[in-house]
Amino acid sequence: MSEATDPVHVIYKLKKTMQNVLDGLVQTLASGGIDNYEEYKYILGKIHAIDLINQELSNLLKPKEPNNDDNITRIRS
């Protein structure tokens, strides 16, 4: 499987891209680049959505169950 189609690689690239977008939005807020309250709410909504997606992507990268064979009793050899 090539690096471009490896799901884990795709998730990491997506997280990096989304982090860059998030940083830009936060910078816009911090620098006072908002003209009105409607735009402020829109950018906050985008930040919230990106944060939720980043959290879900991070959860996908975590192992679901511990792979601890020490606690498993083998019935057959």
C-alpha atoms as a PDB file:
ATOM      1  CA  MET A   1       0.000   0.000   0.000  1.00  0.00           C
ATOM      2  CA  SER A   2       1.465   3.339  -0.988  1.00  0.00           C
ATOM      3  CA  GLU A   3       1.889   6.164   1.471  1.00  0.00           C
ATOM      4  CA  ALA A   4      -0.796   8.206  -0.303  1.00  0.00           C
ATOM      5  CA  THR A   5      -3.424   5.498   0.229  1.00  0.00           C
ATOM      6  CA  ASP A   6      -2.401   4.348   3.695  1.00  0.00           C
ATOM      7  CA  PRO A   7      -5.378   5.302   5.915  1.00  0.00           C
ATOM      8  CA  VAL A   8      -3.207   6.254   8.874  1.00  0.00           C
ATOM      9  CA  HIS A   9      -1.073   8.530   6.689  1.00  0.00           C
ATOM     10  CA  VAL A  10      -4.204  10.132   5.243  1.00  0.00           C
ATOM     11  CA  ILE A  11      -5.539  10.810   8.744  1.00  0.00           C
ATOM     12  CA  TYR A  12      -2.254  12.422   9.821  1.00  0.00           C
ATOM     13  CA  LYS A  13      -2.191  14.615   6.700  1.00  0.00           C
ATOM     14  CA  LEU A  14      -5.799  15.620   7.254  1.00  0.00           C
ATOM     15  CA  LYS A  15      -5.121  16.456  10.907  1.00  0.00           C
ATOM     16  CA  LYS A  16      -2.139  18.597   9.891  1.00  0.00           C
ATOM     17  CA  THR A  17      -4.160  20.463   7.263  1.00  0.00           C
ATOM     18  CA  MET A  18      -7.022  21.026   9.670  1.00  0.00           C
ATOM     19  CA  GLN A  19      -4.617  22.273  12.342  1.00  0.00           C
ATOM     20  CA  ASN A  20      -3.249  24.837   9.878  1.00  0.00           C
ATOM     21  CA  VAL A  21      -6.783  26.028   9.096  1.00  0.00           C
ATOM     22  CA  LEU A  22      -7.588  26.166  12.809  1.00  0.00           C
ATOM     23  CA  ASP A  23      -4.447  28.191  13.512  1.00  0.00           C
ATOM     24  CA  GLY A  24      -5.436  30.669  10.805  1.00  0.00           C
ATOM     25  CA  LEU A  25      -8.925  31.078  12.236  1.00  0.00           C
ATOM     26  CA  VAL A  26      -7.585  31.586  15.761  1.00  0.00           C
ATOM     27  CA  GLN A  27      -5.093  34.125  14.427  1.00  0.00           C
ATOM     28  CA  THR A  28      -7.947  35.988  12.712  1.00  0.00           C
ATOM     29  CA  LEU A  29      -9.828  36.154  16.001  1.00  0.00           C
ATOM     30  CA  ALA A  30      -6.758  37.174  17.997  1.00  0.00           C
ATOM     31  CA  SER A  31      -5.764  39.936  15.588  1.00  0.00           C
ATOM     32  CA  GLY A  32      -9.216  41.512  15.583  1.00  0.00           C
ATOM     33  CA  GLY A  33      -9.854  40.714  11.936  1.00  0.00           C
ATOM     34  CA  ILE A  34     -13.585  40.304  12.541  1.00  0.00           C
ATOM     35  CA  ASP A  35     -15.919  42.989  11.182  1.00  0.00           C
ATOM     36  CA  ASN A  36     -19.164  42.015  12.875  1.00  0.00           C
ATOM     37  CA  TYR A  37     -20.781  39.650  15.328  1.00  0.00           C
ATOM     38  CA  GLU A  38     -22.204  37.419  12.592  1.00  0.00           C
ATOM     39  CA  GLU A  39     -18.718  36.782  11.194  1.00  0.00           C
ATOM     40  CA  TYR A  40     -17.420  36.185  14.726  1.00  0.00           C
ATOM     41  CA  LYS A  41     -20.077  33.527  15.342  1.00  0.00           C
ATOM     42  CA  TYR A  42     -19.347  31.939  11.948  1.00  0.00           C
ATOM     43  CA  ILE A  43     -15.629  31.637  12.697  1.00  0.00           C
ATOM     44  CA  LEU A  44     -16.324  30.269  16.181  1.00  0.00           C
ATOM     45  CA  GLY A  45     -18.570  27.637  14.578  1.00  0.00           C
ATOM     46  CA  LYS A  46     -15.807  26.647  12.168  1.00  0.00           C
ATOM     47  CA  ILE A  47     -13.315  26.414  15.042  1.00  0.00           C
ATOM     48  CA  HIS A  48     -15.721  24.242  17.016  1.00  0.00           C
ATOM     49  CA  ALA A  49     -16.357  21.937  14.023  1.00  0.00           C
ATOM     50  CA  ILE A  50     -12.642  21.539  13.281  1.00  0.00           C
ATOM     51  CA  ASP A  51     -11.971  20.796  16.942  1.00  0.00           C
ATOM     52  CA  LEU A  52     -14.646  18.075  16.988  1.00  0.00           C
ATOM     53  CA  ILE A  53     -13.324  16.501  13.773  1.00  0.00           C
ATOM     54  CA  ASN A  54      -9.739  16.586  15.064  1.00  0.00           C
ATOM     55  CA  GLN A  55     -10.862  14.818  18.234  1.00  0.00           C
ATOM     56  CA  GLU A  56     -12.641  12.115  16.234  1.00  0.00           C
ATOM     57  CA  LEU A  57      -9.580  11.620  14.023  1.00  0.00           C
ATOM     58  CA  SER A  58      -7.398  11.314  17.128  1.00  0.00           C
ATOM     59  CA  ASN A  59      -9.793   8.708  18.500  1.00  0.00           C
ATOM     60  CA  LEU A  60      -9.446   6.719  15.268  1.00  0.00           C
ATOM     61  CA  LEU A  61      -5.690   6.609  15.748  1.00  0.00           C
ATOM     62  CA  LYS A  62      -5.928   5.243  19.297  1.00  0.00           C
ATOM     63  CA  PRO A  63      -6.065   1.479  19.716  1.00  0.00           C
ATOM     64  CA  LYS A  64      -9.595   0.407  20.613  1.00  0.00           C
ATOM     65  CA  GLU A  65      -8.687  -2.458  22.908  1.00  0.00           C
ATOM     66  CA  PRO A  66      -5.439  -3.082  24.675  1.00  0.00           C
ATOM     67  CA  ASN A  67      -3.464  -5.853  23.036  1.00  0.00           C
ATOM     68  CA  ASN A  68      -2.463  -7.508  26.275  1.00  0.00           C
ATOM     69  CA  ASP A  69      -2.107 -11.247  25.776  1.00  0.00           C
ATOM     70  CA  ASP A  70      -0.934 -11.751  29.379  1.00  0.00           C
ATOM     71  CA  ASN A  71      -4.532 -11.700  30.636  1.00  0.00           C
ATOM     72  CA  ILE A  72      -5.824 -14.206  28.076  1.00  0.00           C
ATOM     73  CA  THR A  73      -6.106 -17.844  29.062  1.00  0.00           C
ATOM     74  CA  ARG A  74      -5.476 -20.113  26.105  1.00  0.00           C
ATOM     75  CA  ILE A  75      -7.839 -23.068  25.900  1.00  0.00           C
ATOM     76  CA  ARG A  76      -6.081 -24.833  23.061  1.00  0.00           C
ATOM     77  CA  SER A  77      -2.382 -24.932  22.341  1.00  0.00           C
END
